[in-house]
Protein backbone atom coordinates (compact mmCIF):
# COMPACT_ATOMS: atom_id res chain seq x y z
CA UNK A 1 -5.23 -35.77 -10.56
CA UNK A 2 -3.97 -35.23 -7.00
CA UNK A 3 -6.05 -33.15 -4.65
CA UNK A 4 -4.64 -29.86 -3.39
CA UNK A 5 -3.78 -29.62 0.29
CA UNK A 6 -5.17 -26.85 2.47
CA UNK A 7 -1.82 -25.03 2.43
CA UNK A 8 -1.66 -25.15 -1.37
CA UNK A 9 -5.18 -23.75 -1.67
CA UNK A 10 -4.37 -20.97 0.81
CA UNK A 11 -1.16 -20.13 -1.06
CA UNK A 12 -3.13 -19.61 -4.25
CA UNK A 13 -6.01 -17.66 -2.69
CA UNK A 14 -4.50 -15.57 0.14
CA UNK A 15 -3.26 -12.20 -1.13
CA UNK A 16 0.31 -11.08 -0.46
CA UNK A 17 0.70 -9.49 2.96
CA UNK A 18 4.21 -8.11 2.36
CA UNK A 19 4.35 -4.33 2.59
CA UNK A 20 5.04 -2.20 -0.47
CA UNK A 21 7.11 1.01 -0.49
CA UNK A 22 4.14 3.00 0.85
CA UNK A 23 3.69 0.66 3.81
CA UNK A 24 0.48 -0.87 2.42
CA UNK A 25 -0.05 -4.62 1.93
CA UNK A 26 0.92 -5.71 -1.58
CA UNK A 27 -2.32 -7.62 -2.23
CA UNK A 28 -1.10 -9.50 -5.32
CA UNK A 29 -2.27 -13.12 -5.58
CA UNK A 30 -0.08 -15.90 -4.24
CA UNK A 31 1.13 -18.91 -6.20
CA UNK A 32 1.17 -22.65 -5.64
CA UNK A 33 4.49 -23.75 -4.20
CA UNK A 34 4.97 -20.59 -2.16
CA UNK A 35 3.90 -20.02 1.44
CA UNK A 36 0.50 -18.41 1.91
CA UNK A 37 0.66 -14.63 2.06
CA UNK A 38 3.57 -13.96 -0.29
CA UNK A 39 3.55 -13.22 -4.02
CA UNK A 40 6.25 -14.42 -6.43
CA UNK A 41 7.85 -10.96 -6.66
CA UNK A 42 8.30 -10.67 -2.89
CA UNK A 43 9.49 -14.28 -2.66
CA UNK A 44 12.28 -13.48 -5.13
CA UNK A 45 13.20 -10.34 -3.16
CA UNK A 46 13.43 -12.35 0.07
CA UNK A 47 15.57 -14.99 -1.68
CA UNK A 48 17.97 -12.34 -3.01
CA UNK A 49 18.27 -10.73 0.43
CA UNK A 50 19.09 -14.08 2.04
CA UNK A 51 21.70 -14.85 -0.64
CA UNK A 52 23.28 -11.43 -0.08
CA UNK A 53 23.45 -12.06 3.69
CA UNK A 54 24.95 -15.51 3.17
CA UNK A 55 27.61 -14.07 0.86
CA UNK A 56 28.54 -11.46 3.48
CA UNK A 57 28.75 -14.11 6.18
CA UNK A 58 31.08 -16.33 4.12
C-alpha cells in the first residue's frame, strides 16, 4: 500500500477554512485529492464559479 504524502495527510486532517454565510470558517473535514483547507462542498462551489466565468468569457 503506498504511503500518503504530507500534502495528502494535511488535506484529510486540516479543516475547511472557507467562510460560510455568517463569515465564520466552515470547519468541515477535508478530503484526499483536494487541497488542504477546503471541503468537498466548497470545492464544488469553486468549480461551478470558475465554469460560470469561463462560459461568460467565451
